[in-house]
ModelCIF file with pLDDT and N, C-alpha, C, O atoms, coordinates in Angstrom:
data_MODEL
#
_entry.id   MODEL 
#
_entity.id                         1 
_entity.type                       polymer 
_entity.pdbx_number_of_molecules   1 
#
_entity_poly.entity_id                      1 
_entity_poly.type                           'polypeptide(L)' 
_entity_poly.nstd_linkage                   no 
_entity_poly.nstd_monomer                   no 
_entity_poly.pdbx_seq_one_letter_code       ARAVLGLVRASAGSIVVDGEDVRTYGSRQWRALRRRGVLQYVFQDPLR 
_entity_poly.pdbx_seq_one_letter_code_can   ARAVLGLVRASAGSIVVDGEDVRTYGSRQWRALRRRGVLQYVFQDPLR 
_entity_poly.pdbx_strand_id                 A 
#
loop_
_entity_poly_seq.entity_id 
_entity_poly_seq.num 
_entity_poly_seq.mon_id 
_entity_poly_seq.hetero 
1 1  ALA n 
1 2  ARG n 
1 3  ALA n 
1 4  VAL n 
1 5  LEU n 
1 6  GLY n 
1 7  LEU n 
1 8  VAL n 
1 9  ARG n 
1 10 ALA n 
1 11 SER n 
1 12 ALA n 
1 13 GLY n 
1 14 SER n 
1 15 ILE n 
1 16 VAL n 
1 17 VAL n 
1 18 ASP n 
1 19 GLY n 
1 20 GLU n 
1 21 ASP n 
1 22 VAL n 
1 23 ARG n 
1 24 THR n 
1 25 TYR n 
1 26 GLY n 
1 27 SER n 
1 28 ARG n 
1 29 GLN n 
1 30 TRP n 
1 31 ARG n 
1 32 ALA n 
1 33 LEU n 
1 34 ARG n 
1 35 ARG n 
1 36 ARG n 
1 37 GLY n 
1 38 VAL n 
1 39 LEU n 
1 40 GLN n 
1 41 TYR n 
1 42 VAL n 
1 43 PHE n 
1 44 GLN n 
1 45 ASP n 
1 46 PRO n 
1 47 LEU n 
1 48 ARG n 
#
_struct_asym.id          A 
_struct_asym.entity_id   1 
#
loop_
_ma_qa_metric.id 
_ma_qa_metric.mode 
_ma_qa_metric.name 
_ma_qa_metric.software_group_id 
_ma_qa_metric.type 
1 global pLDDT . pLDDT 
2 local  pLDDT . pLDDT 
#
_ma_qa_metric_global.metric_id      1 
_ma_qa_metric_global.metric_value   88.29 
_ma_qa_metric_global.model_id       1 
_ma_qa_metric_global.ordinal_id     1 
#
loop_
_ma_qa_metric_local.label_asym_id 
_ma_qa_metric_local.label_comp_id 
_ma_qa_metric_local.label_seq_id 
_ma_qa_metric_local.metric_id 
_ma_qa_metric_local.metric_value 
_ma_qa_metric_local.model_id 
_ma_qa_metric_local.ordinal_id 
A ALA 1  2 92.00 1 1  
A ARG 2  2 92.00 1 2  
A ALA 3  2 93.00 1 3  
A VAL 4  2 94.00 1 4  
A LEU 5  2 91.00 1 5  
A GLY 6  2 90.00 1 6  
A LEU 7  2 90.00 1 7  
A VAL 8  2 90.00 1 8  
A ARG 9  2 89.00 1 9  
A ALA 10 2 91.00 1 10 
A SER 11 2 90.00 1 11 
A ALA 12 2 93.00 1 12 
A GLY 13 2 95.00 1 13 
A SER 14 2 95.00 1 14 
A ILE 15 2 95.00 1 15 
A VAL 16 2 95.00 1 16 
A VAL 17 2 93.00 1 17 
A ASP 18 2 89.00 1 18 
A GLY 19 2 89.00 1 19 
A GLU 20 2 89.00 1 20 
A ASP 21 2 92.00 1 21 
A VAL 22 2 92.00 1 22 
A ARG 23 2 88.00 1 23 
A THR 24 2 85.00 1 24 
A TYR 25 2 90.00 1 25 
A GLY 26 2 88.00 1 26 
A SER 27 2 87.00 1 27 
A ARG 28 2 89.00 1 28 
A GLN 29 2 90.00 1 29 
A TRP 30 2 88.00 1 30 
A ARG 31 2 84.00 1 31 
A ALA 32 2 86.00 1 32 
A LEU 33 2 86.00 1 33 
A ARG 34 2 83.00 1 34 
A ARG 35 2 83.00 1 35 
A ARG 36 2 85.00 1 36 
A GLY 37 2 82.00 1 37 
A VAL 38 2 88.00 1 38 
A LEU 39 2 92.00 1 39 
A GLN 40 2 92.00 1 40 
A TYR 41 2 91.00 1 41 
A VAL 42 2 92.00 1 42 
A PHE 43 2 85.00 1 43 
A GLN 44 2 82.00 1 44 
A ASP 45 2 80.00 1 45 
A PRO 46 2 75.00 1 46 
A LEU 47 2 75.00 1 47 
A ARG 48 2 73.00 1 48 
#
loop_
_atom_site.group_PDB 
_atom_site.id 
_atom_site.type_symbol 
_atom_site.label_atom_id 
_atom_site.label_alt_id 
_atom_site.label_comp_id 
_atom_site.label_asym_id 
_atom_site.label_entity_id 
_atom_site.label_seq_id 
_atom_site.pdbx_PDB_ins_code 
_atom_site.Cartn_x 
_atom_site.Cartn_y 
_atom_site.Cartn_z 
_atom_site.occupancy 
_atom_site.B_iso_or_equiv 
_atom_site.pdbx_formal_charge 
_atom_site.auth_seq_id 
_atom_site.auth_comp_id 
_atom_site.auth_asym_id 
_atom_site.auth_atom_id 
_atom_site.pdbx_PDB_model_num 
ATOM 1   N N  . ALA A 1 1  ? -12.016 -11.518 71.724 1.00 92.00 ? 1  ALA A N  1 
ATOM 2   C CA . ALA A 1 1  ? -10.596 -11.783 71.501 1.00 92.00 ? 1  ALA A CA 1 
ATOM 3   C C  . ALA A 1 1  ? -9.798  -10.487 71.521 1.00 92.00 ? 1  ALA A C  1 
ATOM 4   O O  . ALA A 1 1  ? -8.748  -10.413 72.158 1.00 92.00 ? 1  ALA A O  1 
ATOM 5   N N  . ARG A 1 2  ? -10.286 -9.475  70.835 1.00 92.00 ? 2  ARG A N  1 
ATOM 6   C CA . ARG A 1 2  ? -9.569  -8.209  70.760 1.00 92.00 ? 2  ARG A CA 1 
ATOM 7   C C  . ARG A 1 2  ? -9.504  -7.517  72.123 1.00 92.00 ? 2  ARG A C  1 
ATOM 8   O O  . ARG A 1 2  ? -8.520  -6.843  72.430 1.00 92.00 ? 2  ARG A O  1 
ATOM 9   N N  . ALA A 1 3  ? -10.546 -7.679  72.938 1.00 93.00 ? 3  ALA A N  1 
ATOM 10  C CA . ALA A 1 3  ? -10.531 -7.085  74.274 1.00 93.00 ? 3  ALA A CA 1 
ATOM 11  C C  . ALA A 1 3  ? -9.495  -7.767  75.160 1.00 93.00 ? 3  ALA A C  1 
ATOM 12  O O  . ALA A 1 3  ? -8.759  -7.101  75.888 1.00 93.00 ? 3  ALA A O  1 
ATOM 13  N N  . VAL A 1 4  ? -9.437  -9.101  75.097 1.00 94.00 ? 4  VAL A N  1 
ATOM 14  C CA . VAL A 1 4  ? -8.461  -9.843  75.897 1.00 94.00 ? 4  VAL A CA 1 
ATOM 15  C C  . VAL A 1 4  ? -7.040  -9.490  75.477 1.00 94.00 ? 4  VAL A C  1 
ATOM 16  O O  . VAL A 1 4  ? -6.133  -9.464  76.308 1.00 94.00 ? 4  VAL A O  1 
ATOM 17  N N  . LEU A 1 5  ? -6.844  -9.218  74.190 1.00 91.00 ? 5  LEU A N  1 
ATOM 18  C CA . LEU A 1 5  ? -5.520  -8.870  73.672 1.00 91.00 ? 5  LEU A CA 1 
ATOM 19  C C  . LEU A 1 5  ? -5.186  -7.387  73.839 1.00 91.00 ? 5  LEU A C  1 
ATOM 20  O O  . LEU A 1 5  ? -4.082  -6.957  73.504 1.00 91.00 ? 5  LEU A O  1 
ATOM 21  N N  . GLY A 1 6  ? -6.135  -6.607  74.354 1.00 90.00 ? 6  GLY A N  1 
ATOM 22  C CA . GLY A 1 6  ? -5.893  -5.187  74.540 1.00 90.00 ? 6  GLY A CA 1 
ATOM 23  C C  . GLY A 1 6  ? -6.000  -4.367  73.276 1.00 90.00 ? 6  GLY A C  1 
ATOM 24  O O  . GLY A 1 6  ? -5.495  -3.245  73.223 1.00 90.00 ? 6  GLY A O  1 
ATOM 25  N N  . LEU A 1 7  ? -6.651  -4.905  72.252 1.00 90.00 ? 7  LEU A N  1 
ATOM 26  C CA . LEU A 1 7  ? -6.776  -4.200  70.971 1.00 90.00 ? 7  LEU A CA 1 
ATOM 27  C C  . LEU A 1 7  ? -8.026  -3.331  70.905 1.00 90.00 ? 7  LEU A C  1 
ATOM 28  O O  . LEU A 1 7  ? -8.116  -2.441  70.059 1.00 90.00 ? 7  LEU A O  1 
ATOM 29  N N  . VAL A 1 8  ? -8.992  -3.580  71.788 1.00 90.00 ? 8  VAL A N  1 
ATOM 30  C CA . VAL A 1 8  ? -10.136 -2.689  71.956 1.00 90.00 ? 8  VAL A CA 1 
ATOM 31  C C  . VAL A 1 8  ? -10.313 -2.456  73.451 1.00 90.00 ? 8  VAL A C  1 
ATOM 32  O O  . VAL A 1 8  ? -9.986  -3.320  74.265 1.00 90.00 ? 8  VAL A O  1 
ATOM 33  N N  . ARG A 1 9  ? -10.827 -1.297  73.803 1.00 89.00 ? 9  ARG A N  1 
ATOM 34  C CA . ARG A 1 9  ? -10.995 -0.959  75.221 1.00 89.00 ? 9  ARG A CA 1 
ATOM 35  C C  . ARG A 1 9  ? -12.409 -1.294  75.680 1.00 89.00 ? 9  ARG A C  1 
ATOM 36  O O  . ARG A 1 9  ? -13.395 -0.914  75.048 1.00 89.00 ? 9  ARG A O  1 
ATOM 37  N N  . ALA A 1 10 ? -12.481 -2.008  76.786 1.00 91.00 ? 10 ALA A N  1 
ATOM 38  C CA . ALA A 1 10 ? -13.780 -2.355  77.363 1.00 91.00 ? 10 ALA A CA 1 
ATOM 39  C C  . ALA A 1 10 ? -14.345 -1.165  78.118 1.00 91.00 ? 10 ALA A C  1 
ATOM 40  O O  . ALA A 1 10 ? -13.595 -0.368  78.682 1.00 91.00 ? 10 ALA A O  1 
ATOM 41  N N  . SER A 1 11 ? -15.664 -1.043  78.129 1.00 90.00 ? 11 SER A N  1 
ATOM 42  C CA . SER A 1 11 ? -16.311 0.056   78.848 1.00 90.00 ? 11 SER A CA 1 
ATOM 43  C C  . SER A 1 11 ? -16.655 -0.313  80.282 1.00 90.00 ? 11 SER A C  1 
ATOM 44  O O  . SER A 1 11 ? -16.910 0.563   81.108 1.00 90.00 ? 11 SER A O  1 
ATOM 45  N N  . ALA A 1 12 ? -16.662 -1.614  80.582 1.00 93.00 ? 12 ALA A N  1 
ATOM 46  C CA . ALA A 1 12 ? -16.950 -2.061  81.949 1.00 93.00 ? 12 ALA A CA 1 
ATOM 47  C C  . ALA A 1 12 ? -16.457 -3.484  82.111 1.00 93.00 ? 12 ALA A C  1 
ATOM 48  O O  . ALA A 1 12 ? -16.237 -4.196  81.131 1.00 93.00 ? 12 ALA A O  1 
ATOM 49  N N  . GLY A 1 13 ? -16.286 -3.894  83.376 1.00 95.00 ? 13 GLY A N  1 
ATOM 50  C CA . GLY A 1 13 ? -15.873 -5.253  83.676 1.00 95.00 ? 13 GLY A CA 1 
ATOM 51  C C  . GLY A 1 13 ? -14.379 -5.374  83.901 1.00 95.00 ? 13 GLY A C  1 
ATOM 52  O O  . GLY A 1 13 ? -13.664 -4.372  83.920 1.00 95.00 ? 13 GLY A O  1 
ATOM 53  N N  . SER A 1 14 ? -13.906 -6.602  84.071 1.00 95.00 ? 14 SER A N  1 
ATOM 54  C CA . SER A 1 14 ? -12.491 -6.844  84.302 1.00 95.00 ? 14 SER A CA 1 
ATOM 55  C C  . SER A 1 14 ? -12.004 -7.987  83.417 1.00 95.00 ? 14 SER A C  1 
ATOM 56  O O  . SER A 1 14 ? -12.764 -8.890  83.066 1.00 95.00 ? 14 SER A O  1 
ATOM 57  N N  . ILE A 1 15 ? -10.708 -7.927  83.061 1.00 95.00 ? 15 ILE A N  1 
ATOM 58  C CA . ILE A 1 15 ? -10.049 -8.980  82.300 1.00 95.00 ? 15 ILE A CA 1 
ATOM 59  C C  . ILE A 1 15 ? -8.762  -9.300  83.045 1.00 95.00 ? 15 ILE A C  1 
ATOM 60  O O  . ILE A 1 15 ? -7.787  -8.554  82.955 1.00 95.00 ? 15 ILE A O  1 
ATOM 61  N N  . VAL A 1 16 ? -8.756  -10.398 83.773 1.00 95.00 ? 16 VAL A N  1 
ATOM 62  C CA . VAL A 1 16 ? -7.595  -10.771 84.577 1.00 95.00 ? 16 VAL A CA 1 
ATOM 63  C C  . VAL A 1 16 ? -6.830  -11.877 83.860 1.00 95.00 ? 16 VAL A C  1 
ATOM 64  O O  . VAL A 1 16 ? -7.356  -12.968 83.642 1.00 95.00 ? 16 VAL A O  1 
ATOM 65  N N  . VAL A 1 17 ? -5.583  -11.584 83.497 1.00 93.00 ? 17 VAL A N  1 
ATOM 66  C CA . VAL A 1 17 ? -4.710  -12.543 82.827 1.00 93.00 ? 17 VAL A CA 1 
ATOM 67  C C  . VAL A 1 17 ? -3.561  -12.868 83.763 1.00 93.00 ? 17 VAL A C  1 
ATOM 68  O O  . VAL A 1 17 ? -2.770  -11.996 84.120 1.00 93.00 ? 17 VAL A O  1 
ATOM 69  N N  . ASP A 1 18 ? -3.475  -14.134 84.156 1.00 89.00 ? 18 ASP A N  1 
ATOM 70  C CA . ASP A 1 18 ? -2.405  -14.588 85.040 1.00 89.00 ? 18 ASP A CA 1 
ATOM 71  C C  . ASP A 1 18 ? -2.301  -13.717 86.293 1.00 89.00 ? 18 ASP A C  1 
ATOM 72  O O  . ASP A 1 18 ? -1.205  -13.385 86.744 1.00 89.00 ? 18 ASP A O  1 
ATOM 73  N N  . GLY A 1 19 ? -3.458  -13.355 86.845 1.00 89.00 ? 19 GLY A N  1 
ATOM 74  C CA . GLY A 1 19 ? -3.512  -12.602 88.085 1.00 89.00 ? 19 GLY A CA 1 
ATOM 75  C C  . GLY A 1 19 ? -3.458  -11.095 87.946 1.00 89.00 ? 19 GLY A C  1 
ATOM 76  O O  . GLY A 1 19 ? -3.510  -10.393 88.956 1.00 89.00 ? 19 GLY A O  1 
ATOM 77  N N  . GLU A 1 20 ? -3.354  -10.564 86.723 1.00 89.00 ? 20 GLU A N  1 
ATOM 78  C CA . GLU A 1 20 ? -3.267  -9.125  86.512 1.00 89.00 ? 20 GLU A CA 1 
ATOM 79  C C  . GLU A 1 20 ? -4.483  -8.631  85.723 1.00 89.00 ? 20 GLU A C  1 
ATOM 80  O O  . GLU A 1 20 ? -4.818  -9.184  84.675 1.00 89.00 ? 20 GLU A O  1 
ATOM 81  N N  . ASP A 1 21 ? -5.144  -7.580  86.239 1.00 92.00 ? 21 ASP A N  1 
ATOM 82  C CA . ASP A 1 21 ? -6.269  -6.995  85.521 1.00 92.00 ? 21 ASP A CA 1 
ATOM 83  C C  . ASP A 1 21 ? -5.724  -6.100  84.413 1.00 92.00 ? 21 ASP A C  1 
ATOM 84  O O  . ASP A 1 21 ? -5.195  -5.020  84.677 1.00 92.00 ? 21 ASP A O  1 
ATOM 85  N N  . VAL A 1 22 ? -5.859  -6.560  83.178 1.00 92.00 ? 22 VAL A N  1 
ATOM 86  C CA . VAL A 1 22 ? -5.246  -5.868  82.047 1.00 92.00 ? 22 VAL A CA 1 
ATOM 87  C C  . VAL A 1 22 ? -6.196  -4.875  81.381 1.00 92.00 ? 22 VAL A C  1 
ATOM 88  O O  . VAL A 1 22 ? -5.810  -4.197  80.429 1.00 92.00 ? 22 VAL A O  1 
ATOM 89  N N  . ARG A 1 23 ? -7.429  -4.780  81.869 1.00 88.00 ? 23 ARG A N  1 
ATOM 90  C CA . ARG A 1 23 ? -8.414  -3.935  81.165 1.00 88.00 ? 23 ARG A CA 1 
ATOM 91  C C  . ARG A 1 23 ? -7.979  -2.479  81.095 1.00 88.00 ? 23 ARG A C  1 
ATOM 92  O O  . ARG A 1 23 ? -8.262  -1.794  80.112 1.00 88.00 ? 23 ARG A O  1 
ATOM 93  N N  . THR A 1 24 ? -7.297  -2.002  82.123 1.00 85.00 ? 24 THR A N  1 
ATOM 94  C CA . THR A 1 24 ? -6.904  -0.594  82.144 1.00 85.00 ? 24 THR A CA 1 
ATOM 95  C C  . THR A 1 24 ? -5.422  -0.401  81.794 1.00 85.00 ? 24 THR A C  1 
ATOM 96  O O  . THR A 1 24 ? -4.869  0.677   82.010 1.00 85.00 ? 24 THR A O  1 
ATOM 97  N N  . TYR A 1 25 ? -4.790  -1.433  81.262 1.00 90.00 ? 25 TYR A N  1 
ATOM 98  C CA . TYR A 1 25 ? -3.377  -1.321  80.903 1.00 90.00 ? 25 TYR A CA 1 
ATOM 99  C C  . TYR A 1 25 ? -3.167  -0.248  79.826 1.00 90.00 ? 25 TYR A C  1 
ATOM 100 O O  . TYR A 1 25 ? -3.990  -0.079  78.926 1.00 90.00 ? 25 TYR A O  1 
ATOM 101 N N  . GLY A 1 26 ? -2.057  0.461   79.942 1.00 88.00 ? 26 GLY A N  1 
ATOM 102 C CA . GLY A 1 26 ? -1.614  1.366   78.895 1.00 88.00 ? 26 GLY A CA 1 
ATOM 103 C C  . GLY A 1 26 ? -0.674  0.631   77.942 1.00 88.00 ? 26 GLY A C  1 
ATOM 104 O O  . GLY A 1 26 ? -0.377  -0.546  78.147 1.00 88.00 ? 26 GLY A O  1 
ATOM 105 N N  . SER A 1 27 ? -0.210  1.318   76.907 1.00 87.00 ? 27 SER A N  1 
ATOM 106 C CA . SER A 1 27 ? 0.617   0.673   75.886 1.00 87.00 ? 27 SER A CA 1 
ATOM 107 C C  . SER A 1 27 ? 1.922   0.124   76.472 1.00 87.00 ? 27 SER A C  1 
ATOM 108 O O  . SER A 1 27 ? 2.384   -0.941  76.062 1.00 87.00 ? 27 SER A O  1 
ATOM 109 N N  . ARG A 1 28 ? 2.512   0.842   77.420 1.00 89.00 ? 28 ARG A N  1 
ATOM 110 C CA . ARG A 1 28 ? 3.767   0.377   78.011 1.00 89.00 ? 28 ARG A CA 1 
ATOM 111 C C  . ARG A 1 28 ? 3.560   -0.929  78.780 1.00 89.00 ? 28 ARG A C  1 
ATOM 112 O O  . ARG A 1 28 ? 4.379   -1.844  78.694 1.00 89.00 ? 28 ARG A O  1 
ATOM 113 N N  . GLN A 1 29 ? 2.457   -1.009  79.534 1.00 90.00 ? 29 GLN A N  1 
ATOM 114 C CA . GLN A 1 29 ? 2.179   -2.231  80.293 1.00 90.00 ? 29 GLN A CA 1 
ATOM 115 C C  . GLN A 1 29 ? 1.882   -3.403  79.360 1.00 90.00 ? 29 GLN A C  1 
ATOM 116 O O  . GLN A 1 29 ? 2.286   -4.535  79.628 1.00 90.00 ? 29 GLN A O  1 
ATOM 117 N N  . TRP A 1 30 ? 1.173   -3.125  78.261 1.00 88.00 ? 30 TRP A N  1 
ATOM 118 C CA . TRP A 1 30 ? 0.899   -4.197  77.311 1.00 88.00 ? 30 TRP A CA 1 
ATOM 119 C C  . TRP A 1 30 ? 2.189   -4.683  76.659 1.00 88.00 ? 30 TRP A C  1 
ATOM 120 O O  . TRP A 1 30 ? 2.358   -5.887  76.462 1.00 88.00 ? 30 TRP A O  1 
ATOM 121 N N  . ARG A 1 31 ? 3.091   -3.786  76.325 1.00 84.00 ? 31 ARG A N  1 
ATOM 122 C CA . ARG A 1 31 ? 4.363   -4.198  75.728 1.00 84.00 ? 31 ARG A CA 1 
ATOM 123 C C  . ARG A 1 31 ? 5.138   -5.100  76.681 1.00 84.00 ? 31 ARG A C  1 
ATOM 124 O O  . ARG A 1 31 ? 5.733   -6.095  76.266 1.00 84.00 ? 31 ARG A O  1 
ATOM 125 N N  . ALA A 1 32 ? 5.122   -4.738  77.973 1.00 86.00 ? 32 ALA A N  1 
ATOM 126 C CA . ALA A 1 32 ? 5.839   -5.545  78.959 1.00 86.00 ? 32 ALA A CA 1 
ATOM 127 C C  . ALA A 1 32 ? 5.214   -6.935  79.082 1.00 86.00 ? 32 ALA A C  1 
ATOM 128 O O  . ALA A 1 32 ? 5.927   -7.934  79.178 1.00 86.00 ? 32 ALA A O  1 
ATOM 129 N N  . LEU A 1 33 ? 3.871   -6.996  79.078 1.00 86.00 ? 33 LEU A N  1 
ATOM 130 C CA . LEU A 1 33 ? 3.192   -8.279  79.179 1.00 86.00 ? 33 LEU A CA 1 
ATOM 131 C C  . LEU A 1 33 ? 3.497   -9.144  77.965 1.00 86.00 ? 33 LEU A C  1 
ATOM 132 O O  . LEU A 1 33 ? 3.759   -10.338 78.110 1.00 86.00 ? 33 LEU A O  1 
ATOM 133 N N  . ARG A 1 34 ? 3.467   -8.565  76.783 1.00 83.00 ? 34 ARG A N  1 
ATOM 134 C CA . ARG A 1 34 ? 3.733   -9.327  75.564 1.00 83.00 ? 34 ARG A CA 1 
ATOM 135 C C  . ARG A 1 34 ? 5.185   -9.778  75.505 1.00 83.00 ? 34 ARG A C  1 
ATOM 136 O O  . ARG A 1 34 ? 5.486   -10.864 75.009 1.00 83.00 ? 34 ARG A O  1 
ATOM 137 N N  . ARG A 1 35 ? 6.087   -8.937  76.015 1.00 83.00 ? 35 ARG A N  1 
ATOM 138 C CA . ARG A 1 35 ? 7.504   -9.305  76.021 1.00 83.00 ? 35 ARG A CA 1 
ATOM 139 C C  . ARG A 1 35 ? 7.743   -10.527 76.905 1.00 83.00 ? 35 ARG A C  1 
ATOM 140 O O  . ARG A 1 35 ? 8.597   -11.363 76.610 1.00 83.00 ? 35 ARG A O  1 
ATOM 141 N N  . ARG A 1 36 ? 6.971   -10.617 77.998 1.00 85.00 ? 36 ARG A N  1 
ATOM 142 C CA . ARG A 1 36 ? 7.103   -11.765 78.895 1.00 85.00 ? 36 ARG A CA 1 
ATOM 143 C C  . ARG A 1 36 ? 6.544   -13.047 78.267 1.00 85.00 ? 36 ARG A C  1 
ATOM 144 O O  . ARG A 1 36 ? 6.869   -14.146 78.715 1.00 85.00 ? 36 ARG A O  1 
ATOM 145 N N  . GLY A 1 37 ? 5.718   -12.915 77.250 1.00 82.00 ? 37 GLY A N  1 
ATOM 146 C CA . GLY A 1 37 ? 5.188   -14.091 76.563 1.00 82.00 ? 37 GLY A CA 1 
ATOM 147 C C  . GLY A 1 37 ? 4.117   -14.822 77.325 1.00 82.00 ? 37 GLY A C  1 
ATOM 148 O O  . GLY A 1 37 ? 3.840   -15.984 77.029 1.00 82.00 ? 37 GLY A O  1 
ATOM 149 N N  . VAL A 1 38 ? 3.491   -14.169 78.318 1.00 88.00 ? 38 VAL A N  1 
ATOM 150 C CA . VAL A 1 38 ? 2.440   -14.809 79.117 1.00 88.00 ? 38 VAL A CA 1 
ATOM 151 C C  . VAL A 1 38 ? 1.220   -15.118 78.263 1.00 88.00 ? 38 VAL A C  1 
ATOM 152 O O  . VAL A 1 38 ? 0.606   -16.176 78.404 1.00 88.00 ? 38 VAL A O  1 
ATOM 153 N N  . LEU A 1 39 ? 0.874   -14.198 77.384 1.00 92.00 ? 39 LEU A N  1 
ATOM 154 C CA . LEU A 1 39 ? -0.312  -14.301 76.525 1.00 92.00 ? 39 LEU A CA 1 
ATOM 155 C C  . LEU A 1 39 ? 0.132   -14.292 75.066 1.00 92.00 ? 39 LEU A C  1 
ATOM 156 O O  . LEU A 1 39 ? 0.814   -13.368 74.621 1.00 92.00 ? 39 LEU A O  1 
ATOM 157 N N  . GLN A 1 40 ? -0.257  -15.319 74.331 1.00 92.00 ? 40 GLN A N  1 
ATOM 158 C CA . GLN A 1 40 ? 0.061   -15.397 72.910 1.00 92.00 ? 40 GLN A CA 1 
ATOM 159 C C  . GLN A 1 40 ? -1.229  -15.631 72.121 1.00 92.00 ? 40 GLN A C  1 
ATOM 160 O O  . GLN A 1 40 ? -2.266  -15.959 72.697 1.00 92.00 ? 40 GLN A O  1 
ATOM 161 N N  . TYR A 1 41 ? -1.154  -15.462 70.809 1.00 91.00 ? 41 TYR A N  1 
ATOM 162 C CA . TYR A 1 41 ? -2.361  -15.583 69.998 1.00 91.00 ? 41 TYR A CA 1 
ATOM 163 C C  . TYR A 1 41 ? -2.045  -16.153 68.625 1.00 91.00 ? 41 TYR A C  1 
ATOM 164 O O  . TYR A 1 41 ? -0.926  -16.040 68.124 1.00 91.00 ? 41 TYR A O  1 
ATOM 165 N N  . VAL A 1 42 ? -3.062  -16.771 68.032 1.00 92.00 ? 42 VAL A N  1 
ATOM 166 C CA . VAL A 1 42 ? -2.964  -17.337 66.686 1.00 92.00 ? 42 VAL A CA 1 
ATOM 167 C C  . VAL A 1 42 ? -4.167  -16.832 65.901 1.00 92.00 ? 42 VAL A C  1 
ATOM 168 O O  . VAL A 1 42 ? -5.312  -17.037 66.304 1.00 92.00 ? 42 VAL A O  1 
ATOM 169 N N  . PHE A 1 43 ? -3.898  -16.168 64.771 1.00 85.00 ? 43 PHE A N  1 
ATOM 170 C CA . PHE A 1 43 ? -4.972  -15.630 63.948 1.00 85.00 ? 43 PHE A CA 1 
ATOM 171 C C  . PHE A 1 43 ? -5.461  -16.667 62.943 1.00 85.00 ? 43 PHE A C  1 
ATOM 172 O O  . PHE A 1 43 ? -4.825  -17.698 62.726 1.00 85.00 ? 43 PHE A O  1 
ATOM 173 N N  . GLN A 1 44 ? -6.610  -16.367 62.334 1.00 82.00 ? 44 GLN A N  1 
ATOM 174 C CA . GLN A 1 44 ? -7.140  -17.209 61.266 1.00 82.00 ? 44 GLN A CA 1 
ATOM 175 C C  . GLN A 1 44 ? -6.160  -17.276 60.109 1.00 82.00 ? 44 GLN A C  1 
ATOM 176 O O  . GLN A 1 44 ? -5.931  -18.348 59.549 1.00 82.00 ? 44 GLN A O  1 
ATOM 177 N N  . ASP A 1 45 ? -5.580  -16.139 59.746 1.00 80.00 ? 45 ASP A N  1 
ATOM 178 C CA . ASP A 1 45 ? -4.623  -16.066 58.643 1.00 80.00 ? 45 ASP A CA 1 
ATOM 179 C C  . ASP A 1 45 ? -3.218  -15.962 59.227 1.00 80.00 ? 45 ASP A C  1 
ATOM 180 O O  . ASP A 1 45 ? -2.871  -14.917 59.777 1.00 80.00 ? 45 ASP A O  1 
ATOM 181 N N  . PRO A 1 46 ? -2.391  -17.012 59.128 1.00 75.00 ? 46 PRO A N  1 
ATOM 182 C CA . PRO A 1 46 ? -1.055  -16.976 59.726 1.00 75.00 ? 46 PRO A CA 1 
ATOM 183 C C  . PRO A 1 46 ? -0.148  -15.908 59.141 1.00 75.00 ? 46 PRO A C  1 
ATOM 184 O O  . PRO A 1 46 ? 0.830   -15.511 59.775 1.00 75.00 ? 46 PRO A O  1 
ATOM 185 N N  . LEU A 1 47 ? -0.462  -15.432 57.929 1.00 75.00 ? 47 LEU A N  1 
ATOM 186 C CA . LEU A 1 47 ? 0.369   -14.387 57.342 1.00 75.00 ? 47 LEU A CA 1 
ATOM 187 C C  . LEU A 1 47 ? 0.278   -13.075 58.116 1.00 75.00 ? 47 LEU A C  1 
ATOM 188 O O  . LEU A 1 47 ? 1.122   -12.194 57.956 1.00 75.00 ? 47 LEU A O  1 
ATOM 189 N N  . ARG A 1 48 ? -0.762  -12.948 58.966 1.00 73.00 ? 48 ARG A N  1 
ATOM 190 C CA . ARG A 1 48 ? -0.866  -11.755 59.816 1.00 73.00 ? 48 ARG A CA 1 
ATOM 191 C C  . ARG A 1 48 ? 0.166   -11.781 60.933 1.00 73.00 ? 48 ARG A C  1 
ATOM 192 O O  . ARG A 1 48 ? 0.223   -10.856 61.743 1.00 73.00 ? 48 ARG A O  1 
#
Protein backbone atom coordinates (compact mmCIF):
# COMPACT_ATOMS: atom_id res chain seq x y z
CA ALA A 1 0.00 0.00 0.00
CA ARG A 2 2.73 2.45 0.94
CA ALA A 3 4.64 1.74 -2.28
CA VAL A 4 1.56 2.36 -4.43
CA LEU A 5 0.96 5.62 -2.54
CA GLY A 6 4.58 6.71 -2.98
CA LEU A 7 5.30 6.61 0.75
CA VAL A 8 8.14 4.09 0.39
CA ARG A 9 10.52 3.73 -2.54
CA ALA A 10 10.66 0.45 -4.41
CA SER A 11 14.06 -0.99 -5.29
CA ALA A 12 12.84 -2.70 -8.47
CA GLY A 13 9.77 -3.17 -10.64
CA SER A 14 7.09 -0.79 -11.87
CA ILE A 15 3.90 0.72 -10.44
CA VAL A 16 1.64 2.03 -13.20
CA VAL A 17 -1.36 4.08 -12.04
CA ASP A 18 -3.80 5.16 -14.74
CA GLY A 19 -1.12 4.70 -17.39
CA GLU A 20 1.71 6.47 -15.53
CA ASP A 21 4.68 4.70 -13.94
CA VAL A 22 4.80 6.38 -10.54
CA ARG A 23 7.67 4.36 -9.05
CA THR A 24 10.25 7.02 -9.89
CA TYR A 25 8.02 10.03 -9.22
CA GLY A 26 9.48 12.90 -7.21
CA SER A 27 7.53 14.90 -4.62
CA ARG A 28 6.33 17.46 -7.17
CA GLN A 29 4.92 14.76 -9.46
CA TRP A 30 3.21 13.05 -6.54
CA ARG A 31 1.62 16.33 -5.45
CA ALA A 32 0.28 16.85 -8.97
CA LEU A 33 -1.13 13.31 -9.10
CA ARG A 34 -2.82 13.68 -5.71
CA ARG A 35 -4.21 17.08 -6.68
CA ARG A 36 -5.87 15.47 -9.70
CA GLY A 37 -7.57 12.98 -7.37
CA VAL A 38 -6.77 9.97 -9.58
CA LEU A 39 -5.60 7.90 -6.60
CA GLN A 40 -7.27 8.10 -3.20
CA TYR A 41 -6.91 6.07 -0.01
CA VAL A 42 -8.74 5.08 3.16
CA PHE A 43 -6.80 4.19 6.30
CA GLN A 44 -7.77 1.80 9.08
CA ASP A 45 -8.11 4.77 11.44
CA PRO A 46 -10.18 7.56 9.80
CA LEU A 47 -8.73 10.11 12.21
CA ARG A 48 -5.50 9.85 10.20
